Protein backbone atom coordinates (compact mmCIF):
# COMPACT_ATOMS: atom_id res chain seq x y z
CA MET A 1 13.89 11.10 5.71
CA ALA A 2 14.58 7.35 6.07
CA LYS A 3 13.52 5.00 3.21
CA THR A 4 10.50 2.86 4.13
CA ALA A 5 10.89 -0.83 3.48
CA PRO A 6 8.23 -1.87 0.79
CA LEU A 7 5.17 -3.55 2.57
CA PHE A 8 4.31 -7.16 1.63
CA SER A 9 0.67 -7.90 1.07
CA LEU A 10 -0.83 -9.56 3.73
CA VAL A 11 -2.67 -12.03 1.19
CA ASN A 12 0.51 -12.76 -0.36
CA ARG A 13 2.14 -13.41 2.78
CA ILE A 14 -0.75 -15.76 3.75
CA LEU A 15 -0.36 -17.61 0.46
CA LEU A 16 3.33 -17.83 0.64
CA LEU A 17 3.04 -19.32 4.30
CA PHE A 18 0.45 -21.64 2.91
CA ALA A 19 2.26 -22.85 0.04
CA SER A 20 5.43 -23.51 2.09
CA LEU A 21 3.39 -25.58 4.33
CA VAL A 22 2.15 -27.50 1.50
CA VAL A 23 5.49 -28.08 0.31
CA VAL A 24 6.84 -29.05 3.66
CA LEU A 25 3.84 -31.42 4.19
CA PHE A 26 4.30 -32.92 0.87
CA LEU A 27 7.96 -33.63 1.27
CA VAL A 28 7.05 -35.20 4.89
CA ILE A 29 4.40 -37.49 3.38
CA PHE A 30 6.72 -38.28 0.46
CA ILE A 31 9.41 -39.39 2.86
CA PHE A 32 7.07 -41.30 4.83
CA ALA A 33 5.43 -43.05 2.06
CA TYR A 34 8.66 -43.69 0.29
CA ASN A 35 10.26 -45.44 3.46
CA THR A 36 7.17 -47.40 4.37
CA THR A 37 6.66 -48.51 0.73
CA LYS A 38 10.35 -49.38 0.48
CA SER A 39 10.37 -51.42 3.63
CA GLU A 40 7.13 -53.47 2.78
CA PHE A 41 8.41 -54.02 -0.96
CA GLU A 42 12.02 -55.12 0.03
CA GLN A 43 10.48 -57.53 2.48
CA LYS A 44 7.98 -58.90 -0.14
CA VAL A 45 11.00 -58.91 -2.95
CA TYR A 46 13.32 -60.86 -0.37
CA TYR A 47 10.62 -63.32 0.44
CA LYS A 48 10.09 -64.14 -3.13
CA ILE A 49 13.78 -64.35 -3.83
CA GLU A 50 14.13 -66.80 -0.91
CA ARG A 51 11.32 -68.80 -2.24
CA VAL A 52 12.86 -69.18 -5.61
CA GLY A 53 16.06 -70.33 -4.21
CA VAL A 54 14.22 -72.95 -1.96
CA LEU A 55 11.98 -73.98 -4.83
CA LEU A 56 15.17 -74.56 -7.08
CA GLU A 57 16.95 -76.78 -4.47
CA PRO A 58 14.76 -80.00 -4.82
CA GLN A 59 15.00 -79.77 -8.91
CA LEU A 60 18.89 -79.92 -8.46
CA LYS A 61 19.01 -83.42 -6.95
CA ASN A 62 20.65 -86.03 -9.10
CA THR A 63 21.71 -83.50 -11.62
CA ALA A 64 25.41 -82.86 -12.83
CA ILE A 65 24.98 -79.20 -13.55
CA GLN A 66 28.20 -77.30 -12.83
CA TRP A 67 27.28 -73.65 -13.71
CA PHE A 68 23.87 -72.00 -14.61
CA GLU A 69 22.83 -68.01 -15.07
CA GLY A 70 19.48 -66.87 -16.01
CA ASN A 71 16.98 -64.34 -15.28
CA TYR A 72 13.79 -64.37 -13.07
CA ILE A 73 10.96 -61.59 -13.07
CA ILE A 74 9.35 -60.76 -9.83
CA GLY A 75 6.73 -58.08 -10.59
CA GLU A 76 8.63 -55.34 -12.26
CA ILE A 77 11.93 -56.37 -10.67
CA ASN A 78 14.65 -58.35 -12.64
CA THR A 79 16.62 -60.78 -10.53
CA THR A 80 19.69 -63.07 -11.55
CA ILE A 81 19.91 -66.54 -10.93
CA LYS A 82 23.32 -68.45 -10.59
CA ILE A 83 24.26 -71.90 -9.71
CA ALA A 84 27.82 -72.63 -9.32
CA GLN A 85 30.08 -75.31 -7.54
CA ARG A 86 31.19 -74.70 -3.91
CA ASP A 87 34.81 -75.19 -3.31
CA CYS A 88 35.94 -74.12 0.13
CA ARG A 89 39.49 -75.12 -0.24
CA THR A 90 40.38 -72.21 -2.63
CA PRO A 91 39.44 -68.43 -2.39
CA GLN A 92 35.86 -67.55 -3.33
CA PRO A 93 35.20 -64.82 -6.02
CA SER A 94 32.20 -63.70 -4.17
CA ASN A 95 30.80 -62.83 -0.66
CA HIS A 96 27.98 -65.25 -1.01
CA LEU A 97 30.16 -68.35 -2.19
CA ALA A 98 32.40 -67.57 0.78
CA GLU A 99 29.40 -67.40 3.20
CA ALA A 100 28.27 -71.05 1.80
CA CYS A 101 31.23 -72.50 3.27
CA VAL A 102 30.15 -71.39 6.64
CA LYS A 103 26.35 -71.74 6.58
CA LYS A 104 23.81 -73.23 4.58
CA SER A 105 21.78 -70.10 3.19
CA GLY A 106 21.25 -66.61 4.02
CA PHE A 107 21.36 -63.15 2.59
CA VAL A 108 24.46 -61.31 1.53
CA ALA A 109 25.04 -57.74 0.68
CA GLN A 110 27.64 -56.92 -2.00
CA LYS A 111 28.80 -53.90 -3.66
CA VAL A 112 30.02 -54.16 -7.41
CA GLY A 113 31.29 -51.06 -8.94
CA LEU A 114 28.46 -48.64 -8.39
CA TYR A 115 25.80 -51.02 -7.72
CA ASP A 116 24.59 -52.39 -4.48
CA ILE A 117 23.36 -55.78 -4.75
CA GLU A 118 21.29 -58.12 -2.27
CA THR A 119 21.96 -61.61 -2.85
CA PHE A 120 20.29 -65.03 -1.41
CA PHE A 121 22.21 -67.94 -1.40
CA PHE A 122 21.13 -71.73 -0.75
CA LEU A 123 23.63 -74.70 -0.57
CA ASN A 124 22.47 -77.99 -2.09
CA THR A 125 24.71 -80.26 -0.14
CA GLN A 126 23.90 -83.37 -2.22
CA ASN A 127 25.49 -81.90 -5.28
CA ASN A 128 27.78 -79.27 -3.71
CA LEU A 129 26.02 -76.63 -5.50
CA VAL A 130 25.19 -72.96 -4.48
CA ILE A 131 21.93 -71.48 -5.80
CA GLN A 132 22.27 -67.61 -5.86
CA VAL A 133 19.37 -65.27 -6.64
CA SER A 134 20.45 -61.44 -6.83
CA VAL A 135 18.82 -58.33 -7.21
CA LEU A 136 19.88 -54.77 -7.88
CA HIS A 137 18.97 -52.26 -5.09
CA SER A 138 18.62 -49.35 -7.64
CA GLN A 139 15.65 -51.35 -9.36
CA ILE A 140 14.07 -51.74 -6.02
CA ASN A 141 14.39 -47.87 -5.31
CA ALA A 142 13.19 -47.00 -8.81
CA TYR A 143 9.86 -49.11 -8.45
CA VAL A 144 9.45 -47.77 -5.04
CA LEU A 145 9.76 -44.17 -6.31
CA LYS A 146 7.25 -45.18 -9.22
CA LEU A 147 4.92 -46.58 -6.48
CA THR A 148 5.06 -43.51 -4.23
CA SER A 149 4.58 -40.94 -7.19
CA LYS A 150 1.45 -42.67 -7.97
CA ILE A 151 0.19 -42.54 -4.57
CA LEU A 152 0.95 -38.84 -3.90
CA THR A 153 -0.14 -37.67 -7.56
CA PRO A 154 -3.87 -36.81 -6.29
CA TYR A 155 -2.16 -34.67 -3.67
CA LEU A 156 -0.10 -32.68 -6.17
CA ILE A 157 -3.30 -32.21 -8.04
CA VAL A 158 -5.32 -31.05 -5.35
CA ALA A 159 -2.71 -28.73 -3.67
CA PRO A 160 -2.78 -26.06 -6.48
CA PHE A 161 -6.76 -25.87 -6.39
CA ALA A 162 -6.53 -25.52 -2.53
CA ILE A 163 -4.09 -22.52 -2.94
CA LEU A 164 -6.42 -21.16 -5.49
CA ILE A 165 -9.45 -21.59 -3.36
CA LEU A 166 -7.66 -20.12 -0.39
CA PHE A 167 -6.78 -16.97 -2.44
CA PHE A 168 -10.36 -16.37 -3.30
CA LEU A 169 -11.22 -16.77 0.38
CA LEU A 170 -8.66 -14.41 1.42
CA LEU A 171 -9.83 -11.85 -0.98
CA LYS A 172 -13.37 -12.36 0.15
CA SER A 173 -12.59 -12.11 3.90
CA LEU A 174 -10.26 -8.86 3.43
CA LYS A 175 -12.98 -6.99 1.03
CA PRO A 176 -14.45 -5.25 4.17
CA LEU A 177 -10.87 -4.15 5.15
CA ARG A 178 -10.30 -2.64 1.54
CA THR A 179 -13.89 -1.02 1.98
CA LEU A 180 -12.82 0.58 5.00
CA GLU A 181 -9.51 1.79 3.49
CA GLN A 182 -11.40 3.61 0.79
CA GLU A 183 -13.66 4.85 3.26
CA ILE A 184 -10.97 6.40 5.22
CA LEU A 185 -8.97 7.42 2.02
CA THR A 186 -11.95 9.48 0.41
CA ARG A 187 -12.86 11.34 3.67
CA GLU A 188 -12.22 15.05 3.86
CA PRO A 189 -9.61 16.35 6.21
CA ASN A 190 -12.29 17.62 8.71
CA HIS A 191 -14.82 14.82 8.46
CA PHE A 192 -14.93 12.77 11.86
CA ALA A 193 -18.15 10.96 11.37
CA VAL A 194 -18.47 7.14 12.55
CA LEU A 195 -17.30 4.78 9.96
CA GLN A 196 -20.02 3.08 7.97
CA THR A 197 -18.30 -0.26 7.17
CA GLU A 198 -19.87 -3.16 8.82
CA PRO A 199 -17.36 -5.31 10.54
CA SER A 200 -17.19 -9.02 9.43
CA SER A 201 -15.02 -10.18 11.93
CA LYS A 202 -13.88 -9.81 15.70
CA GLU A 203 -10.68 -8.36 14.62
CA LEU A 204 -12.27 -5.72 12.01
CA HIS A 205 -14.65 -4.62 14.55
CA SER A 206 -11.95 -3.95 17.15
CA LEU A 207 -10.05 -2.01 14.46
CA VAL A 208 -13.28 0.17 13.52
CA VAL A 209 -14.19 0.78 17.20
CA ALA A 210 -10.41 1.99 17.79
CA LEU A 211 -10.59 4.22 14.68
CA ASN A 212 -14.06 5.72 15.81
CA GLN A 213 -12.50 6.44 19.06
CA MET A 214 -9.61 8.03 17.45
CA PHE A 215 -11.67 10.27 15.02
CA GLU A 216 -13.73 11.37 18.42
CA ARG A 217 -10.93 12.26 19.96
CA ALA A 218 -9.33 14.25 16.95
CA TYR A 219 -12.93 15.98 16.65
CA GLN A 220 -12.94 17.06 20.30
CA PHE A 221 -9.52 18.21 19.92
CA GLN A 222 -10.16 20.41 16.75
CA ILE A 223 -13.37 21.76 18.63
CA GLN A 224 -11.19 22.92 21.34
CA GLN A 225 -8.50 24.28 19.13
CA GLN A 226 -11.12 26.20 17.12
CA GLN A 227 -12.55 27.35 20.31
CA PHE A 228 -9.40 28.65 21.53
CA ILE A 229 -8.28 30.34 18.40
CA ALA A 230 -11.79 31.90 17.96
CA ASN A 231 -11.74 33.07 21.77
CA ALA A 232 -8.02 34.48 21.55
CA ALA A 233 -9.02 36.39 18.31
CA HIS A 234 -12.18 37.78 19.45
CA GLU A 235 -10.44 38.78 22.98
CA LEU A 236 -7.50 40.56 20.90
CA ARG A 237 -9.64 42.29 18.37
CA THR A 238 -11.36 44.83 20.80
CA PRO A 239 -7.97 45.95 22.27
CA LEU A 240 -6.16 46.07 19.03
CA THR A 241 -9.05 48.33 17.38
CA ALA A 242 -8.66 50.68 20.65
CA LEU A 243 -4.79 50.66 20.26
CA SER A 244 -5.20 51.66 16.61
CA LEU A 245 -7.17 54.59 17.46
CA HIS A 246 -4.94 55.70 20.21
CA LEU A 247 -1.88 55.15 18.12
CA GLN A 248 -3.70 57.41 15.35
CA ILE A 249 -4.44 60.03 18.18
CA LEU A 250 -0.85 60.13 19.07
CA LYS A 251 0.32 60.17 15.74
CA ASN A 252 -1.87 63.20 14.86
CA GLU A 253 -0.54 65.10 18.09
CA LEU A 254 3.03 64.02 18.41
CA VAL A 255 4.59 63.67 15.08
CA SER A 256 6.83 66.84 14.51
CA SER A 257 9.55 65.45 12.24
CA GLU A 258 10.20 63.02 9.52
CA THR A 259 11.68 60.67 11.95
CA ASP A 260 8.53 60.73 14.17
CA GLN A 261 6.70 59.88 11.03
CA LYS A 262 8.46 56.88 10.17
CA ILE A 263 8.56 55.58 13.74
CA PHE A 264 4.76 55.85 13.78
CA ASP A 265 4.34 54.39 10.47
CA GLU A 266 6.23 51.57 11.38
CA PHE A 267 4.24 51.08 14.63
CA GLU A 268 1.15 51.38 12.44
CA GLN A 269 2.14 48.82 9.83
CA ARG A 270 3.04 46.34 12.71
CA LEU A 271 -0.40 47.07 14.24
CA THR A 272 -2.08 46.51 10.85
CA ARG A 273 -0.43 43.03 10.29
CA LEU A 274 -1.44 42.04 13.76
CA GLN A 275 -5.04 42.99 13.17
CA LEU A 276 -4.99 41.00 9.77
CA LEU A 277 -3.65 38.28 11.58
CA VAL A 278 -6.42 38.28 14.15
CA ASN A 279 -9.14 38.67 11.39
CA GLN A 280 -7.72 35.93 9.40
CA MET A 281 -7.45 33.71 12.59
CA MET A 282 -11.27 34.25 13.17
CA ILE A 283 -12.05 33.36 9.51
CA LEU A 284 -10.17 30.24 9.72
CA ALA A 285 -11.69 29.31 12.90
CA HIS A 286 -15.12 30.07 11.60
CA GLN A 287 -14.38 28.26 8.13
CA GLU A 288 -13.37 24.89 9.95
CA LYS A 289 -16.88 24.65 11.55
CA ILE A 290 -18.38 24.77 8.55
CA SER A 291 -20.01 21.56 7.09
CA ILE A 292 -19.41 20.33 3.58
CA GLU A 293 -23.03 19.85 3.16
CA ALA A 294 -24.78 22.32 5.47
CA ASN A 295 -26.25 25.70 4.13
CA THR A 296 -24.69 25.53 0.43
CA GLN A 297 -26.97 27.27 -2.16
CA LEU A 298 -26.50 27.98 -5.77
CA ILE A 299 -24.36 31.11 -6.10
CA ASP A 300 -23.87 33.57 -9.03
CA LEU A 301 -20.12 33.43 -8.95
CA SER A 302 -19.57 36.28 -11.61
CA GLU A 303 -21.98 38.62 -9.39
CA LEU A 304 -19.64 37.73 -6.51
CA LEU A 305 -16.52 38.19 -8.24
CA LYS A 306 -17.75 41.81 -9.72
CA SER A 307 -18.57 42.76 -5.99
CA SER A 308 -15.28 41.64 -4.59
CA ILE A 309 -13.33 43.58 -7.39
CA GLU A 310 -15.52 46.78 -6.60
CA GLN A 311 -14.58 46.15 -2.83
CA LEU A 312 -10.87 46.10 -3.56
CA TYR A 313 -10.77 48.47 -6.45
CA PRO A 314 -9.47 51.38 -4.18
CA ASN A 315 -6.39 49.46 -3.30
CA ILE A 316 -5.93 48.64 -6.91
CA GLU A 317 -5.92 52.24 -7.60
CA LYS A 318 -3.81 53.18 -4.71
CA GLN A 319 -1.17 50.83 -5.97
CA GLY A 320 -1.25 52.07 -9.54
CA LEU A 321 -2.18 48.82 -10.95
CA ASN A 322 -4.04 47.89 -14.25
CA LEU A 323 -6.66 45.38 -14.07
CA TYR A 324 -7.87 43.56 -17.16
CA ILE A 325 -10.74 41.12 -17.20
CA THR A 326 -10.23 38.55 -20.19
CA ASP A 327 -13.53 36.33 -19.77
CA PHE A 328 -16.31 37.22 -17.58
CA GLU A 329 -19.08 34.49 -18.37
CA LYS A 330 -21.94 33.93 -16.07
CA CYS A 331 -21.20 31.24 -13.80
CA ARG A 332 -22.79 29.35 -10.87
CA VAL A 333 -21.53 27.09 -8.23
CA ASN A 334 -23.11 25.12 -5.24
CA ALA A 335 -21.41 26.86 -2.13
CA ARG A 336 -21.66 29.11 0.76
CA ALA A 337 -21.10 33.07 -0.20
CA ASP A 338 -18.97 33.51 2.63
CA GLN A 339 -16.50 30.76 1.67
CA LEU A 340 -16.50 32.29 -2.07
CA ASN A 341 -16.11 35.59 -0.93
CA SER A 342 -13.09 34.64 1.31
CA ILE A 343 -11.35 32.78 -1.65
CA ILE A 344 -11.85 35.63 -4.24
CA ILE A 345 -10.69 38.43 -1.50
CA ASN A 346 -7.49 36.42 -0.82
CA ILE A 347 -6.60 35.78 -4.05
CA LEU A 348 -7.06 39.18 -5.28
CA ASP A 349 -5.65 40.99 -2.23
CA ASN A 350 -2.31 38.91 -2.56
CA ALA A 351 -2.23 39.76 -6.16
CA ILE A 352 -2.49 43.40 -5.32
CA LYS A 353 0.10 43.25 -2.56
CA TYR A 354 2.78 41.49 -4.41
CA THR A 355 2.20 43.41 -7.83
CA PRO A 356 4.50 46.22 -8.13
CA LYS A 357 3.45 49.74 -9.41
CA ASP A 358 2.13 50.04 -13.10
CA GLY A 359 1.75 46.12 -12.85
CA LEU A 360 -0.89 44.03 -14.27
CA ILE A 361 -3.70 41.81 -12.88
CA SER A 362 -5.57 39.69 -15.18
CA VAL A 363 -8.89 37.92 -14.01
CA SER A 364 -10.75 35.29 -16.03
CA LEU A 365 -14.07 33.63 -15.22
CA LYS A 366 -15.49 30.97 -17.66
CA ASN A 367 -17.45 27.72 -17.88
CA GLN A 368 -15.16 25.19 -19.07
CA SER A 369 -16.39 21.68 -19.92
CA ASP A 370 -18.23 20.47 -16.72
CA GLU A 371 -16.31 22.88 -14.31
CA VAL A 372 -16.26 26.67 -13.41
CA VAL A 373 -13.03 27.96 -13.85
CA LEU A 374 -11.50 31.22 -12.36
CA ILE A 375 -8.15 32.38 -12.97
CA ILE A 376 -6.33 35.47 -11.66
CA GLU A 377 -2.82 36.19 -12.69
CA ASP A 378 -0.49 39.11 -11.95
CA SER A 379 2.92 40.58 -13.07
CA GLY A 380 4.66 40.32 -9.65
CA SER A 381 7.67 38.53 -8.44
CA GLY A 382 5.63 35.15 -8.45
CA ILE A 383 6.58 32.14 -6.39
CA ASP A 384 9.27 29.61 -7.12
CA GLU A 385 7.85 26.17 -8.05
CA SER A 386 9.35 24.37 -5.07
CA GLU A 387 7.38 26.52 -2.80
CA TYR A 388 3.76 25.83 -4.25
CA ASP A 389 2.94 23.15 -1.67
CA ASN A 390 4.50 25.33 1.10
CA VAL A 391 2.48 28.47 0.71
CA PHE A 392 -0.63 26.48 1.73
CA GLN A 393 0.55 25.98 5.07
CA ARG A 394 -0.44 27.96 8.05
CA PHE A 395 1.73 30.96 8.69
CA TYR A 396 4.09 29.95 5.92
CA ARG A 397 5.74 33.27 4.40
CA LEU A 398 8.28 33.45 1.49
CA ASN A 399 11.56 34.95 2.37
CA ASN A 400 10.90 37.82 -0.40
CA ALA A 401 7.70 38.89 1.19
CA GLN A 402 8.63 39.88 4.61
CA ASP A 403 8.07 43.58 3.82
CA VAL A 404 4.76 42.92 2.73
CA ILE A 405 1.89 43.02 5.57
CA GLY A 406 0.35 39.50 5.90
CA SER A 407 0.02 36.77 8.24
CA GLY A 408 0.79 33.80 6.22
CA LEU A 409 -3.06 32.50 6.48
CA GLY A 410 -4.44 34.04 3.30
CA LEU A 411 -3.58 30.83 1.00
CA ALA A 412 -4.35 28.49 3.87
CA ILE A 413 -7.67 30.00 4.06
CA VAL A 414 -8.21 29.75 0.36
CA HIS A 415 -6.84 26.10 0.08
CA GLN A 416 -9.17 24.88 2.98
CA ALA A 417 -12.19 26.65 1.47
CA VAL A 418 -11.59 25.31 -1.82
CA GLN A 419 -11.33 21.65 -0.55
CA GLN A 420 -14.49 22.10 1.53
CA LEU A 421 -16.25 23.02 -1.84
CA ASN A 422 -14.95 19.90 -3.58
CA GLY A 423 -12.85 22.08 -5.87
CA SER A 424 -9.33 22.24 -6.93
CA ILE A 425 -6.52 25.13 -6.51
CA LYS A 426 -3.49 25.21 -9.16
CA LEU A 427 -0.46 27.41 -8.78
CA SER A 428 1.51 28.24 -11.86
CA LYS A 429 3.95 30.64 -13.54
CA SER A 430 1.82 33.37 -15.17
CA MET A 431 2.16 34.50 -18.81
CA LEU A 432 2.40 38.26 -17.30
CA GLY A 433 5.50 37.23 -15.30
CA GLY A 434 4.07 36.55 -11.84
CA LEU A 435 1.94 33.84 -10.44
CA SER A 436 -1.25 32.45 -11.79
CA VAL A 437 -3.84 30.82 -9.56
CA THR A 438 -6.37 28.48 -11.09
CA ILE A 439 -9.31 27.33 -8.98
CA SER A 440 -12.03 24.99 -10.49
CA PHE A 441 -15.37 24.00 -9.15
CA LYS A 442 -17.78 21.26 -10.45
CA GLN A 443 -20.73 22.84 -12.19
CA PRO A 444 -23.79 22.48 -10.36
CA GLN A 445 -26.76 20.04 -11.79
CA SER A 446 -29.30 21.88 -13.93
CA THR A 447 -32.00 20.80 -11.70
CA THR A 448 -30.63 22.94 -8.59
CA LYS A 449 -32.47 25.87 -7.73
CA PHE A 450 -30.57 29.08 -8.31
CA ASN A 451 -30.44 31.63 -5.61
CA ALA A 452 -28.99 34.92 -7.39
């Protein structure tokens, strides 16, 4: 069987998509805000730098300054002011001094080591001085990043709460879906009634309608299947009975040798197996029609068990088996008598069939805590643990059981009846060496009326 990939929760998927959208949106807003703020702030800084240079120019008239360097703070941005003589006859040490030989003022970008510097220069023609006001791009970027972070801080605070609110809204929205899941999981196999979950959305309503339609089709198919099995079994029952009588007559009249006896015995065995199959098919078809709640009453299981043992005791004696009853308490369960009888007869009949001559069969019936527990064990060949689940399937027969008359429906009937009664059945290795079958039923409420 191919491995199924692990399913991802719908809530987790929506949250992941929403969180991804929040992150992408945050990055888009951040980039837009950063670029916008940087553009506006650079214009503001460059304007102030230009104003500083322009305002310094009148103050340099009639002065004998040859060189000056100092700092000027614009907001949180530190700028450097330099004043130097222009000498266009020799190579200039910086771009802005060289530009001052060409034009009177302007901005010059320059890279010094790892730093990008923007410089505004202004030429004082009277004193032949160049006024330089410089700023580092890294300072502008750092300040713009700080401003952008302050702008987006509320977004970062609100986003986790938005994701949390979405999580609770999703849980609330998907609650009807979980209710629907639990209603389906807790249903009995043959329960096809309309779903009771109230749809809270158009999508859920469509799902509920589709499921109800599927249940209706499954119910109709089951009815047809049951009817077919019941009709087929009923039609086969009469000719099989007639065939059995004719075979017995022929056996009495025609058997003249040991070989003839073996042939007729084999025919009789095969016919008996076919009759058993037909009978059990009718039981199974009838049992599937039984409602879980309908027509149940308080049954004395101890009396029913006693009656079943008496019914099968001739077979026990014929097989030369020893029957031991270890516990036999008075126990009552809410059920249908025919269901309980079918369970006990099938389990005991299997124990008789598969236990060799002089073998042991043990029966125990007792009240245990809030349950009624029936245990039937035998000293037969038992069942391998790997086959425990398989033997409850219809028409499944073990390889070592082909010589025993059976149909492969006995344990399937038992399993279905136990499920309908909300009980449990467990197979295990018996201390006697064979199979141990443990059947548990819930004890009825003390207020329920008892019908012995």
